[in-house]
Structure formats: C-alpha cells, structure tokens
Amino acid sequence: MEFRRTQAQTLNGRLKESPRTLTIIAGPRQVGKSTLVRQVLGSFHSHYASADQAPDNSVPLIGEPLGDISSLPGSPPTADWLIRQWEIARARARQMPADRYFVLAIDEIQKVPRWSDVVKGLWDADRMQGLNLHVVLLGSAPLLMQEGLAESLAGRFELISLTHWSYTEMRDAFDLSLDEYIYFGGYPGTATFRYEESRWREYVRDALVSPNIQKDILQMTRVDKPALLRSLFELGCHYSGQIISYTKLVGQLQDAGNTTTLAHYLQLLAQAGLLTGLTKFAGQKHRQRASSPKLHVLNTALISAQGDYTFDAARADRSYWGRLVESSVGAHLCNSAEPELQVQYWREGAHEVDFILTQGKRQVALEVKSGQGTIKTKGMAIFQRKYPEATGRIVGSGGIPLDEFLAQPASHWLEE
C-alpha cells in the first residue's frame, strides 16, 4: 500500500467541494508535492502539467513550419503555455455533469513568467462563467510563491503547506529507526540510499542542496553575492544548534558584506527550507529582532551530508550526536509549527534554554538532553523564575522520550 501524507486527505476534501478558491501546494524541494497531488488526482477527472516538461502538443509535426522556438521541448515555459493548459482543462470541464468537478494541476508554477497575473485573469474569468474547474498550483520556491500570491491572488487561494518529512512519516513509509532519522533526516527520496552512505551524501549535496540553492533561490531572487549565500549555508550547517552573532558570522566568512545582507540571506535559506535562525525570546519585539540568531537546519540530512562523520561514527561521538539530536528537535519544531506559533530560544548570561514555544499567552520551555544528566538544568530553573507562567519540559534523557516527542507537532506541547 502506498504511503500518503496527511495533507493528501486535506486536498482530497477540498477537491470534493464546489470550486471557490485556488488550491496552492507549496513547500521545499523534494518533500513529495508532485507525488501527493498525483495520488489524489487518481480519484478525479484531471489534467496535470509541469512547467519543467514540454507539453506534447508543442512539438511541430514533420513538414510543418518550426514556428516560435519558445514552444520547443526544453524551452522555458511561457504564459502562452500556461493558457494552453488552462484551455485544455476548460474544454474538458465543460463536458462534465453539473455536479462533477474537473481538476487542473500545474506543477512548478513559479517558473512561468508573471504566472500570478495570468492565473488571476483566467481564474476570475472562470468564476464569472461558473465553471466547475478546480485549479491546483504547486511550487518548490516558497519565496516566489509567496510574492506572487501576495501581489495578485490575495483572497483567491487556500494554502496547503508541505514541510520536510517527520520521524513518524519516515518510520512508517521507509522503516527508519529513530537513530537513522536523526542522522539521515527527512528527505523521502534519499531513504533507499542510506545503506550506501557515500552515495547518499552525493545525492543530498548534488541532487537536493545544489538545485535548491541554484534554482530555487539564485535564479528566482536577486542575490548580489551568491558565493556568500552558499558559504552561509555551509557555515550554518556546521553551527546548527548554536547561537552566533551576525558580527561573528561576518568574521567567519570572506567577502561577507554587512550584517543586514547576512540576515537577508538567512531569510532566503529559511524560505527555501534549508536553514533558519531562531530569534531570542525577550518579551519585547525590538529586542527579539536585534538578537543573535540561533542557527538550525530544517533537515538534519543537511548536517550529515556536509560533515565527515559516518552514521556509526556519529553515534559513537556523544558530543556530535547530541548536536544532531538537538538539531532534529529544532527542525521538527520549526517544520510542524503553525504560523501563529513562535519557536525561539532564551539566553541570559551563561544560562540558556534550547527552545521556547509561544502561542498567544501560552509558553513552554524545552531543554533537550541526549545523555546522562540532571533532569532540570540551571538555565531552565532561572527562566521559570523569571517567567513563572511558562511550563518547563525536558526532551530526551530523564524527560519526554525523543521518539514520543517527535511524534507530536509543536502545538501539542502547548495544549497539555
């Protein structure tokens, strides 16, 4: 039986309703967006097209004039290509019974120039005609998707977000153990390579990381110093789980420019699903914005693939393994957090708490422990004295078992 993520059920439910809004499927590269949509479309009359692939009807027949070279296979998609796909779906939707819906799915929509303006015009025309046509748009560059949605499609769409795969998903779909998930991370396409570690590393670096940076950031966003962005990503993987000031980052990187540039590049890496910088919990917004970031990868595969440790060597080194464990917890919290839930850290002098979850007036402090030690750290005790309304929890040794913690979304620990 094929594995389906929970978002498939959400999409299936939306497509059974009368078309009222566009459906946007957005998330990082290689988290299964296309697979999920194809799984669901199997139950519907549909037309699927990808801006990564040339449509069959774009190839001229033998003896016909070549025409516009932009329509040849391998050429960049155009607005005309998008309109052609839409017209195919419209024609088939008009043949459907009044109580049935047709679905148009366009993958890699962000690769079509001015896609949001084109979609807006086509969608509004369909609404005026009352056409029973659902439209699903997929994109692997969250930054561009967000800009397009904000600029032209406000009020016309509902978003289904896909993040990196969780421990329970990788366990159920690929039989990964907890330790394997901590080291190999949550990329479904790499699971079968985990027994050939050198091949796995090359795949992560060459087929996942490089295209993510090259195609989803550098080709879609203005980046004046691409080498700096790549270096920041590599350094962020090395320092994952550590608090490091932008000033120190400038000192670690060559041709670093200024701290504003680094903050912007870190934001781009976060939007691409690679690396984020947690802000400091301080109670005051301006102090949070000015704080040094706590760097965290959003998938621990990014640490392991960049490092020199094998799976067995990583587990044997308690210090290194502890870093991977904390990074897996941080990635899980960031990936599973709802938009209104903040994931931060706290530090005062030499005392620190790994993660602070905040939603409304509710606060939970989390300390990750991967080895032997006291159940309540001094940092946690100081934080709770300063913020008595917050709940403190230990994750790992002496507290919530790690597999149990990774099986629940971030919001779960605010509800208890």
Protein backbone atom coordinates (compact mmCIF):
# COMPACT_ATOMS: atom_id res chain seq x y z
CA MET A 1 0.00 0.00 0.00
CA GLU A 2 1.39 3.40 -0.96
CA PHE A 3 2.13 5.86 1.82
CA ARG A 4 0.09 9.07 1.87
CA ARG A 5 0.85 12.16 3.89
CA THR A 6 -1.98 13.69 5.91
CA GLN A 7 -2.14 16.67 3.52
CA ALA A 8 -3.47 14.29 0.84
CA GLN A 9 -6.68 13.94 2.84
CA THR A 10 -6.96 17.72 3.08
CA LEU A 11 -6.53 18.14 -0.67
CA ASN A 12 -8.98 15.34 -1.41
CA GLY A 13 -11.61 17.07 0.73
CA ARG A 14 -11.06 20.43 -0.97
CA LEU A 15 -11.47 18.93 -4.44
CA LYS A 16 -14.82 17.40 -3.50
CA GLU A 17 -16.20 20.85 -2.68
CA SER A 18 -17.53 23.35 -5.19
CA PRO A 19 -14.60 25.39 -6.60
CA ARG A 20 -14.39 28.60 -4.59
CA THR A 21 -10.66 29.22 -4.29
CA LEU A 22 -7.41 28.20 -5.93
CA THR A 23 -5.51 25.48 -4.06
CA ILE A 24 -1.81 26.20 -3.56
CA ILE A 25 0.57 23.36 -2.65
CA ALA A 26 3.85 24.93 -1.50
CA GLY A 27 6.94 23.70 0.27
CA PRO A 28 10.66 22.97 -0.02
CA ARG A 29 12.18 20.95 -2.83
CA GLN A 30 11.84 17.15 -2.71
CA VAL A 31 9.21 16.82 0.03
CA GLY A 32 6.73 14.98 -2.20
CA LYS A 33 4.43 17.73 -3.52
CA SER A 34 4.06 16.25 -7.01
CA THR A 35 3.64 12.70 -5.68
CA LEU A 36 0.94 13.78 -3.24
CA VAL A 37 -1.06 15.61 -5.91
CA ARG A 38 -0.81 12.71 -8.36
CA GLN A 39 -2.02 10.34 -5.64
CA VAL A 40 -5.12 12.44 -5.05
CA LEU A 41 -5.79 13.14 -8.74
CA GLY A 42 -6.22 9.41 -9.29
CA SER A 43 -9.74 9.80 -7.88
CA PHE A 44 -10.72 12.75 -10.10
CA HIS A 45 -11.03 13.69 -13.76
CA SER A 46 -7.97 15.87 -14.19
CA HIS A 47 -5.25 17.39 -16.36
CA TYR A 48 -1.72 17.56 -14.89
CA ALA A 49 1.08 19.59 -16.47
CA SER A 50 4.52 20.60 -15.25
CA ALA A 51 6.39 23.73 -16.23
CA ASP A 52 9.51 21.54 -16.05
CA GLN A 53 8.30 19.47 -19.00
CA ALA A 54 7.36 20.43 -22.55
CA PRO A 55 3.74 19.69 -23.49
CA ASP A 56 3.23 17.08 -26.19
CA ASN A 57 1.31 19.48 -28.43
CA SER A 58 4.23 21.93 -28.50
CA VAL A 59 6.22 19.72 -30.92
CA PRO A 60 5.56 20.53 -34.62
CA LEU A 61 4.73 17.68 -36.96
CA ILE A 62 7.17 16.69 -39.73
CA GLY A 63 6.82 19.12 -42.61
CA GLU A 64 5.20 21.84 -40.52
CA PRO A 65 6.97 25.18 -40.02
CA LEU A 66 9.10 25.41 -36.89
CA GLY A 67 7.20 28.40 -35.58
CA ASP A 68 8.09 30.06 -32.28
CA ILE A 69 11.23 28.41 -30.85
CA SER A 70 9.98 29.19 -27.35
CA SER A 71 7.44 26.36 -27.73
CA LEU A 72 10.05 23.66 -28.41
CA PRO A 73 10.71 20.91 -25.82
CA GLY A 74 13.19 22.04 -23.20
CA SER A 75 12.36 25.72 -23.68
CA PRO A 76 11.36 27.82 -20.66
CA PRO A 77 7.60 27.81 -20.07
CA THR A 78 5.66 30.87 -21.17
CA ALA A 79 2.34 32.49 -20.34
CA ASP A 80 1.01 31.05 -23.62
CA TRP A 81 1.93 27.55 -22.45
CA LEU A 82 0.03 28.13 -19.19
CA ILE A 83 -3.01 29.43 -21.08
CA ARG A 84 -2.96 26.34 -23.34
CA GLN A 85 -3.03 24.02 -20.33
CA TRP A 86 -5.89 26.01 -18.83
CA GLU A 87 -7.88 25.85 -22.08
CA ILE A 88 -7.45 22.06 -22.23
CA ALA A 89 -8.90 21.80 -18.73
CA ARG A 90 -11.71 24.25 -19.50
CA ALA A 91 -12.82 22.24 -22.52
CA ARG A 92 -12.98 19.04 -20.50
CA ALA A 93 -14.67 20.76 -17.52
CA ARG A 94 -17.49 21.93 -19.80
CA GLN A 95 -18.18 18.29 -20.71
CA MET A 96 -18.59 17.26 -17.04
CA PRO A 97 -22.05 16.81 -15.45
CA ALA A 98 -23.22 19.80 -13.40
CA ASP A 99 -22.49 18.01 -10.12
CA ARG A 100 -18.95 16.87 -11.06
CA TYR A 101 -15.70 18.81 -10.99
CA PHE A 102 -12.64 18.76 -13.22
CA VAL A 103 -9.17 19.45 -11.80
CA LEU A 104 -6.29 21.31 -13.44
CA ALA A 105 -2.91 20.86 -11.69
CA ILE A 106 0.11 22.93 -12.74
CA ASP A 107 3.46 21.91 -11.23
CA GLU A 108 6.46 24.26 -10.80
CA ILE A 109 4.15 27.20 -11.49
CA GLN A 110 6.80 29.68 -10.30
CA LYS A 111 8.82 29.01 -13.46
CA VAL A 112 6.19 30.69 -15.65
CA PRO A 113 6.93 34.43 -16.01
CA ARG A 114 4.23 36.63 -14.42
CA TRP A 115 2.34 33.49 -13.51
CA SER A 116 0.23 35.12 -10.81
CA ASP A 117 -1.14 37.80 -13.15
CA VAL A 118 -2.03 35.17 -15.78
CA VAL A 119 -3.67 32.91 -13.20
CA LYS A 120 -5.67 35.82 -11.77
CA GLY A 121 -7.17 36.66 -15.16
CA LEU A 122 -8.00 33.06 -16.03
CA TRP A 123 -9.42 32.24 -12.59
CA ASP A 124 -11.61 35.36 -12.44
CA ALA A 125 -12.99 34.58 -15.91
CA ASP A 126 -13.89 31.05 -14.78
CA ARG A 127 -15.70 32.37 -11.74
CA MET A 128 -17.78 34.74 -13.86
CA GLN A 129 -18.82 31.76 -16.01
CA GLY A 130 -19.45 29.49 -13.04
CA LEU A 131 -17.12 26.85 -14.48
CA ASN A 132 -16.75 23.68 -12.37
CA LEU A 133 -12.96 23.72 -12.58
CA HIS A 134 -10.66 23.23 -9.61
CA VAL A 135 -7.13 24.62 -10.03
CA VAL A 136 -4.19 23.26 -8.02
CA LEU A 137 -0.86 25.08 -8.28
CA LEU A 138 2.38 23.55 -7.00
CA GLY A 139 5.63 25.37 -6.33
CA SER A 140 9.03 24.48 -4.88
CA ALA A 141 10.25 28.04 -4.37
CA PRO A 142 8.29 29.33 -1.37
CA LEU A 143 9.70 32.86 -1.67
CA LEU A 144 8.47 33.36 -5.22
CA MET A 145 5.18 31.64 -4.49
CA GLN A 146 4.59 33.99 -1.56
CA GLU A 147 5.42 37.06 -3.61
CA GLY A 148 3.11 36.00 -6.44
CA LEU A 149 0.29 35.19 -4.05
CA ALA A 150 0.63 38.46 -2.18
CA GLU A 151 0.85 40.57 -5.31
CA SER A 152 -2.06 39.28 -7.40
CA LEU A 153 -4.01 36.47 -5.78
CA ALA A 154 -4.90 37.78 -2.33
CA GLY A 155 -8.28 36.40 -1.27
CA ARG A 156 -8.38 33.90 -4.13
CA PHE A 157 -6.46 30.93 -2.70
CA GLU A 158 -6.11 28.45 0.14
CA LEU A 159 -2.65 27.16 1.02
CA ILE A 160 -1.67 23.59 1.84
CA SER A 161 1.90 23.64 3.15
CA LEU A 162 4.20 20.65 2.90
CA THR A 163 7.32 20.64 5.06
CA HIS A 164 10.12 18.12 5.50
CA TRP A 165 9.00 14.62 6.47
CA SER A 166 8.63 13.90 10.17
CA TYR A 167 10.12 10.99 12.07
CA THR A 168 6.81 9.11 12.11
CA GLU A 169 6.37 9.56 8.35
CA MET A 170 9.87 8.30 7.57
CA ARG A 171 9.40 5.43 10.02
CA ASP A 172 6.05 4.35 8.60
CA ALA A 173 6.97 4.82 4.93
CA PHE A 174 10.59 3.59 4.92
CA ASP A 175 11.06 1.77 8.24
CA LEU A 176 13.69 4.24 9.51
CA SER A 177 14.77 3.80 13.10
CA LEU A 178 14.93 6.80 15.40
CA ASP A 179 18.73 6.98 15.15
CA GLU A 180 18.56 6.69 11.36
CA TYR A 181 16.10 9.57 11.22
CA ILE A 182 18.32 11.74 13.42
CA TYR A 183 21.30 11.17 11.11
CA PHE A 184 19.75 10.74 7.64
CA GLY A 185 16.92 13.24 8.13
CA GLY A 186 13.57 13.57 6.41
CA TYR A 187 14.10 13.53 2.64
CA PRO A 188 11.95 10.65 1.30
CA GLY A 189 13.96 10.36 -1.92
CA THR A 190 17.15 9.52 -0.02
CA ALA A 191 15.80 6.76 2.21
CA THR A 192 16.80 3.89 -0.07
CA PHE A 193 20.39 5.19 -0.25
CA ARG A 194 21.03 5.07 3.49
CA TYR A 195 22.90 1.74 3.26
CA GLU A 196 25.36 3.29 0.79
CA GLU A 197 26.48 6.35 2.72
CA SER A 198 28.87 7.84 0.15
CA ARG A 199 26.16 7.60 -2.50
CA TRP A 200 23.65 9.10 -0.05
CA ARG A 201 25.93 12.08 0.66
CA GLU A 202 26.48 12.78 -3.02
CA TYR A 203 22.75 12.61 -3.71
CA VAL A 204 21.90 15.05 -0.93
CA ARG A 205 24.60 17.52 -1.96
CA ASP A 206 24.24 17.28 -5.76
CA ALA A 207 20.56 16.46 -6.30
CA LEU A 208 18.97 18.29 -3.37
CA VAL A 209 21.12 21.08 -1.94
CA SER A 210 22.69 22.42 -5.15
CA PRO A 211 19.40 22.68 -7.11
CA ASN A 212 17.69 24.15 -4.06
CA ILE A 213 20.20 26.99 -3.87
CA GLN A 214 20.83 27.36 -7.61
CA LYS A 215 17.25 27.08 -8.91
CA ASP A 216 15.01 27.97 -6.00
CA ILE A 217 16.99 30.94 -4.71
CA LEU A 218 19.65 32.27 -7.08
CA GLN A 219 17.59 32.05 -10.28
CA MET A 220 14.42 33.36 -8.70
CA THR A 221 15.66 36.06 -6.35
CA ARG A 222 18.19 38.85 -6.61
CA VAL A 223 21.32 37.76 -4.75
CA ASP A 224 24.29 40.06 -5.24
CA LYS A 225 26.77 37.68 -3.59
CA PRO A 226 25.84 34.08 -4.41
CA ALA A 227 29.14 32.71 -3.07
CA LEU A 228 28.36 34.35 0.26
CA LEU A 229 24.92 32.75 0.39
CA ARG A 230 26.42 29.30 -0.24
CA SER A 231 29.09 29.88 2.40
CA LEU A 232 26.47 31.00 4.89
CA PHE A 233 24.53 27.79 4.30
CA GLU A 234 27.62 25.61 4.81
CA LEU A 235 28.62 27.52 7.94
CA GLY A 236 25.05 27.30 9.23
CA CYS A 237 25.12 23.51 8.89
CA HIS A 238 28.37 23.44 10.88
CA TYR A 239 26.95 25.69 13.62
CA SER A 240 23.43 24.21 13.73
CA GLY A 241 22.05 24.43 17.26
CA GLN A 242 24.41 27.25 18.24
CA ILE A 243 23.81 30.93 18.90
CA ILE A 244 26.11 33.05 16.77
CA SER A 245 26.04 36.80 16.23
CA TYR A 246 25.92 38.31 12.76
CA THR A 247 29.15 40.10 13.61
CA LYS A 248 30.84 36.77 14.30
CA LEU A 249 29.39 35.38 11.07
CA VAL A 250 30.91 38.30 9.17
CA GLY A 251 34.26 37.39 10.69
CA GLN A 252 33.89 33.74 9.68
CA LEU A 253 33.01 34.47 6.05
CA GLN A 254 35.10 36.01 3.30
CA ASP A 255 33.62 38.96 1.39
CA ALA A 256 30.80 38.97 3.93
CA GLY A 257 29.45 42.45 3.31
CA ASN A 258 27.34 43.65 6.22
CA THR A 259 25.10 42.06 8.81
CA THR A 260 21.93 43.20 7.01
CA THR A 261 22.96 41.21 3.93
CA LEU A 262 23.58 38.09 6.03
CA ALA A 263 20.21 38.45 7.77
CA HIS A 264 18.51 38.69 4.37
CA TYR A 265 20.35 35.64 3.02
CA LEU A 266 19.46 33.65 6.12
CA GLN A 267 15.82 34.53 5.49
CA LEU A 268 16.10 33.27 1.90
CA LEU A 269 17.61 29.99 3.11
CA ALA A 270 14.77 29.59 5.59
CA GLN A 271 12.13 30.21 2.91
CA ALA A 272 13.79 27.54 0.76
CA GLY A 273 13.53 25.02 3.62
CA LEU A 274 17.26 24.75 4.31
CA LEU A 275 18.44 26.81 7.28
CA THR A 276 16.76 29.16 9.73
CA GLY A 277 17.82 31.49 12.51
CA LEU A 278 15.73 31.38 15.68
CA THR A 279 15.27 34.68 17.48
CA LYS A 280 15.79 35.20 21.20
CA PHE A 281 12.77 35.16 23.49
CA ALA A 282 12.89 38.51 25.26
CA GLY A 283 9.30 39.59 25.73
CA GLN A 284 9.90 42.76 23.70
CA LYS A 285 9.69 42.62 19.89
CA HIS A 286 12.50 45.07 19.21
CA ARG A 287 14.90 43.09 21.39
CA GLN A 288 13.95 39.88 19.58
CA ARG A 289 14.67 41.42 16.19
CA ALA A 290 18.08 42.68 17.33
CA SER A 291 19.15 39.37 18.88
CA SER A 292 21.81 37.00 17.60
CA PRO A 293 20.22 34.09 15.70
CA LYS A 294 20.37 30.51 16.85
CA LEU A 295 21.09 28.65 13.62
CA HIS A 296 19.14 25.49 12.85
CA VAL A 297 18.99 23.31 9.78
CA LEU A 298 15.45 22.35 8.79
CA ASN A 299 16.51 18.80 7.90
CA THR A 300 19.36 17.01 9.67
CA ALA A 301 20.42 15.37 6.40
CA LEU A 302 21.98 18.76 5.61
CA ILE A 303 24.38 18.40 8.56
CA SER A 304 25.31 14.78 7.95
CA ALA A 305 25.84 15.20 4.21
CA GLN A 306 28.15 18.18 4.76
CA GLY A 307 30.12 16.57 7.60
CA ASP A 308 32.79 13.88 7.84
CA TYR A 309 31.06 11.52 10.30
CA THR A 310 29.61 8.22 9.16
CA PHE A 311 26.41 7.01 10.81
CA ASP A 312 28.31 4.73 13.21
CA ALA A 313 30.97 7.35 13.99
CA ALA A 314 28.31 9.97 14.67
CA ARG A 315 26.55 7.74 17.19
CA ALA A 316 29.85 6.94 18.89
CA ASP A 317 30.72 10.62 19.45
CA ARG A 318 28.40 11.75 22.25
CA SER A 319 29.05 15.44 21.69
CA TYR A 320 28.40 15.29 17.95
CA TRP A 321 25.36 13.05 18.41
CA GLY A 322 23.94 15.45 20.96
CA ARG A 323 24.22 18.22 18.39
CA LEU A 324 22.33 16.11 15.86
CA VAL A 325 19.63 15.28 18.41
CA GLU A 326 19.08 18.95 19.27
CA SER A 327 19.03 19.85 15.58
CA SER A 328 16.43 17.15 14.88
CA VAL A 329 14.25 18.57 17.66
CA GLY A 330 14.69 22.11 16.35
CA ALA A 331 13.90 21.05 12.78
CA HIS A 332 10.81 19.18 13.96
CA LEU A 333 9.53 22.18 15.91
CA CYS A 334 10.07 24.61 13.02
CA ASN A 335 8.56 22.27 10.44
CA SER A 336 5.49 21.37 12.49
CA ALA A 337 4.77 24.81 13.99
CA GLU A 338 1.60 26.56 12.87
CA PRO A 339 2.04 30.13 11.54
CA GLU A 340 0.89 31.73 14.80
CA LEU A 341 3.26 29.61 16.94
CA GLN A 342 6.72 31.05 17.57
CA VAL A 343 9.80 28.88 18.06
CA GLN A 344 12.61 30.80 19.82
CA TYR A 345 15.46 30.30 22.28
CA TRP A 346 16.33 32.03 25.55
CA ARG A 347 19.69 33.06 26.95
CA GLU A 348 20.75 35.27 29.83
CA GLY A 349 24.47 35.45 30.52
CA ALA A 350 25.81 31.90 30.58
CA HIS A 351 22.35 30.38 31.06
CA GLU A 352 20.30 29.12 28.14
CA VAL A 353 17.11 27.22 27.30
CA ASP A 354 17.14 25.41 23.96
CA PHE A 355 13.63 26.26 22.75
CA ILE A 356 10.76 28.49 23.81
CA LEU A 357 7.35 27.87 22.23
CA THR A 358 4.90 30.76 22.36
CA GLN A 359 1.32 30.93 21.15
CA GLY A 360 -0.82 33.73 22.47
CA LYS A 361 -0.23 33.84 26.22
CA ARG A 362 0.92 30.21 26.44
CA GLN A 363 4.64 29.46 26.80
CA VAL A 364 6.59 26.21 27.01
CA ALA A 365 10.34 25.99 27.63
CA LEU A 366 12.08 22.92 26.20
CA GLU A 367 15.53 21.63 27.11
CA VAL A 368 17.00 18.80 25.01
CA LYS A 369 19.15 16.21 26.74
CA SER A 370 20.70 13.35 24.79
CA GLY A 371 22.82 11.83 27.57
CA GLN A 372 23.00 11.42 31.31
CA GLY A 373 22.50 14.47 33.46
CA THR A 374 20.20 16.27 35.86
CA ILE A 375 16.57 16.47 34.88
CA LYS A 376 16.27 20.22 35.37
CA THR A 377 19.07 22.43 34.15
CA LYS A 378 20.03 25.65 35.85
CA GLY A 379 19.03 27.64 32.78
CA MET A 380 15.53 26.17 32.89
CA ALA A 381 15.18 26.98 36.59
CA ILE A 382 16.26 30.60 36.05
CA PHE A 383 13.92 31.01 33.09
CA GLN A 384 10.94 29.68 35.04
CA ARG A 385 11.67 32.01 37.95
CA LYS A 386 11.68 34.93 35.52
CA TYR A 387 8.64 33.70 33.60
CA PRO A 388 6.58 31.69 36.15
CA GLU A 389 3.65 31.32 33.73
CA ALA A 390 5.80 29.16 31.41
CA THR A 391 5.82 25.37 31.57
CA GLY A 392 9.21 23.64 31.50
CA ARG A 393 9.85 20.29 29.84
CA ILE A 394 12.87 18.07 29.28
CA VAL A 395 13.11 16.25 25.96
CA GLY A 396 15.22 13.11 25.88
CA SER A 397 17.10 11.60 28.82
CA GLY A 398 15.08 11.96 32.01
CA GLY A 399 12.10 13.56 30.29
CA ILE A 400 9.80 13.04 27.32
CA PRO A 401 11.21 10.16 25.24
CA LEU A 402 12.60 11.51 21.98
CA ASP A 403 10.51 9.24 19.77
CA GLU A 404 7.36 10.32 21.62
CA PHE A 405 8.27 13.99 21.27
CA LEU A 406 8.98 13.73 17.55
CA ALA A 407 5.61 12.02 17.03
CA GLN A 408 3.66 15.16 18.01
CA PRO A 409 3.52 18.61 16.36
CA ALA A 410 4.86 21.63 18.21
CA SER A 411 1.36 22.80 19.15
CA HIS A 412 0.73 19.59 21.12
CA TRP A 413 3.09 20.64 23.90
CA LEU A 414 1.26 23.93 24.36
CA GLU A 415 -2.06 22.19 24.81
CA GLU A 416 -1.10 19.98 27.74
